[in-house]
Amino acid sequence: MDIRMRKAKELLAGSDMLIRDVSGAVGYTNVNSFVRIFKKSTGFTPGEYREREQASLREADGANETDEVDGAE
């Protein structure tokens, strides 16, 4: 996978940057090209990817909080 796509995935999952700002940060001047190439590379649009990744992080955080509460009893 292209290093720019790896960096874009990190930025999308770990920040609330606008997709156009992520696009620029990884070297794309045309956000439409970025979206098209990102989708071809990952199977998801940048917005879909962000939502899936952030949802999985929320689920993992919820599981960790449950584990901590269960361990404290």
C-alpha atoms as a PDB file:
ATOM      1  CA  MET A   1       0.000   0.000   0.000  1.00  0.00           C
ATOM      2  CA  ASP A   2       1.169   3.494  -0.850  1.00  0.00           C
ATOM      3  CA  ILE A   3       2.762   5.364   2.069  1.00  0.00           C
ATOM      4  CA  ARG A   4       0.353   8.250   1.450  1.00  0.00           C
ATOM      5  CA  MET A   5      -2.632   5.950   1.927  1.00  0.00           C
ATOM      6  CA  ARG A   6      -1.134   4.579   5.153  1.00  0.00           C
ATOM      7  CA  LYS A   7      -0.688   8.118   6.469  1.00  0.00           C
ATOM      8  CA  ALA A   8      -4.215   9.049   5.347  1.00  0.00           C
ATOM      9  CA  LYS A   9      -5.605   6.042   7.238  1.00  0.00           C
ATOM     10  CA  GLU A  10      -3.746   7.132  10.387  1.00  0.00           C
ATOM     11  CA  LEU A  11      -5.059  10.689  10.088  1.00  0.00           C
ATOM     12  CA  LEU A  12      -8.619   9.570   9.403  1.00  0.00           C
ATOM     13  CA  ALA A  13      -8.714   7.119  12.296  1.00  0.00           C
ATOM     14  CA  GLY A  14      -6.901   9.298  14.804  1.00  0.00           C
ATOM     15  CA  SER A  15      -8.193  12.792  14.183  1.00  0.00           C
ATOM     16  CA  ASP A  16     -11.203  14.854  13.238  1.00  0.00           C
ATOM     17  CA  MET A  17      -9.399  16.534  10.343  1.00  0.00           C
ATOM     18  CA  LEU A  18     -11.585  17.369   7.380  1.00  0.00           C
ATOM     19  CA  ILE A  19     -11.166  14.944   4.509  1.00  0.00           C
ATOM     20  CA  ARG A  20      -9.957  17.767   2.267  1.00  0.00           C
ATOM     21  CA  ASP A  21      -7.297  18.583   4.886  1.00  0.00           C
ATOM     22  CA  VAL A  22      -6.227  14.932   5.099  1.00  0.00           C
ATOM     23  CA  SER A  23      -6.064  14.887   1.315  1.00  0.00           C
ATOM     24  CA  GLY A  24      -3.761  17.904   1.285  1.00  0.00           C
ATOM     25  CA  ALA A  25      -1.666  16.592   4.168  1.00  0.00           C
ATOM     26  CA  VAL A  26      -0.794  13.471   2.205  1.00  0.00           C
ATOM     27  CA  GLY A  27      -0.011  15.343  -0.998  1.00  0.00           C
ATOM     28  CA  TYR A  28      -3.213  15.396  -3.044  1.00  0.00           C
ATOM     29  CA  THR A  29      -4.274  18.737  -4.486  1.00  0.00           C
ATOM     30  CA  ASN A  30      -7.570  17.360  -5.773  1.00  0.00           C
ATOM     31  CA  VAL A  31      -9.791  15.906  -3.047  1.00  0.00           C
ATOM     32  CA  ASN A  32     -11.898  13.997  -5.598  1.00  0.00           C
ATOM     33  CA  SER A  33      -8.800  12.167  -6.822  1.00  0.00           C
ATOM     34  CA  PHE A  34      -7.854  11.390  -3.234  1.00  0.00           C
ATOM     35  CA  VAL A  35     -11.308   9.958  -2.475  1.00  0.00           C
ATOM     36  CA  ARG A  36     -11.290   7.846  -5.638  1.00  0.00           C
ATOM     37  CA  ILE A  37      -7.785   6.477  -5.016  1.00  0.00           C
ATOM     38  CA  PHE A  38      -8.469   5.906  -1.307  1.00  0.00           C
ATOM     39  CA  LYS A  39     -11.612   3.920  -2.120  1.00  0.00           C
ATOM     40  CA  LYS A  40      -9.784   1.885  -4.754  1.00  0.00           C
ATOM     41  CA  SER A  41      -7.034   1.140  -2.214  1.00  0.00           C
ATOM     42  CA  THR A  42      -9.196   0.325   0.829  1.00  0.00           C
ATOM     43  CA  GLY A  43     -12.666  -0.460  -0.480  1.00  0.00           C
ATOM     44  CA  PHE A  44     -14.110   2.434   1.546  1.00  0.00           C
ATOM     45  CA  THR A  45     -14.481   6.151   1.075  1.00  0.00           C
ATOM     46  CA  PRO A  46     -12.420   8.181   3.569  1.00  0.00           C
ATOM     47  CA  GLY A  47     -15.595   9.002   5.515  1.00  0.00           C
ATOM     48  CA  GLU A  48     -16.669   5.350   5.663  1.00  0.00           C
ATOM     49  CA  TYR A  49     -13.182   4.327   6.736  1.00  0.00           C
ATOM     50  CA  ARG A  50     -13.096   6.935   9.510  1.00  0.00           C
ATOM     51  CA  GLU A  51     -16.493   5.890  10.827  1.00  0.00           C
ATOM     52  CA  ARG A  52     -15.567   2.192  10.878  1.00  0.00           C
ATOM     53  CA  GLU A  53     -12.223   2.799  12.565  1.00  0.00           C
ATOM     54  CA  GLN A  54     -13.562   5.208  15.163  1.00  0.00           C
ATOM     55  CA  ALA A  55     -16.485   2.870  15.904  1.00  0.00           C
ATOM     56  CA  SER A  56     -14.092  -0.032  16.467  1.00  0.00           C
ATOM     57  CA  LEU A  57     -11.976   2.153  18.773  1.00  0.00           C
ATOM     58  CA  ARG A  58     -15.094   3.129  20.747  1.00  0.00           C
ATOM     59  CA  GLU A  59     -16.023  -0.544  21.062  1.00  0.00           C
ATOM     60  CA  ALA A  60     -12.512  -1.404  22.242  1.00  0.00           C
ATOM     61  CA  ASP A  61     -12.606   1.431  24.791  1.00  0.00           C
ATOM     62  CA  GLY A  62     -15.973   0.200  26.020  1.00  0.00           C
ATOM     63  CA  ALA A  63     -14.597  -3.323  26.437  1.00  0.00           C
ATOM     64  CA  ASN A  64     -11.608  -1.983  28.369  1.00  0.00           C
ATOM     65  CA  GLU A  65     -13.837   0.057  30.670  1.00  0.00           C
ATOM     66  CA  THR A  66     -16.006  -3.005  31.317  1.00  0.00           C
ATOM     67  CA  ASP A  67     -12.904  -5.079  32.079  1.00  0.00           C
ATOM     68  CA  GLU A  68     -11.669  -2.442  34.522  1.00  0.00           C
ATOM     69  CA  VAL A  69     -15.037  -2.280  36.287  1.00  0.00           C
ATOM     70  CA  ASP A  70     -15.288  -6.080  36.467  1.00  0.00           C
ATOM     71  CA  GLY A  71     -11.754  -6.311  37.836  1.00  0.00           C
ATOM     72  CA  ALA A  72     -12.500  -3.756  40.557  1.00  0.00           C
ATOM     73  CA  GLU A  73     -15.325  -5.774  42.137  1.00  0.00           C
END
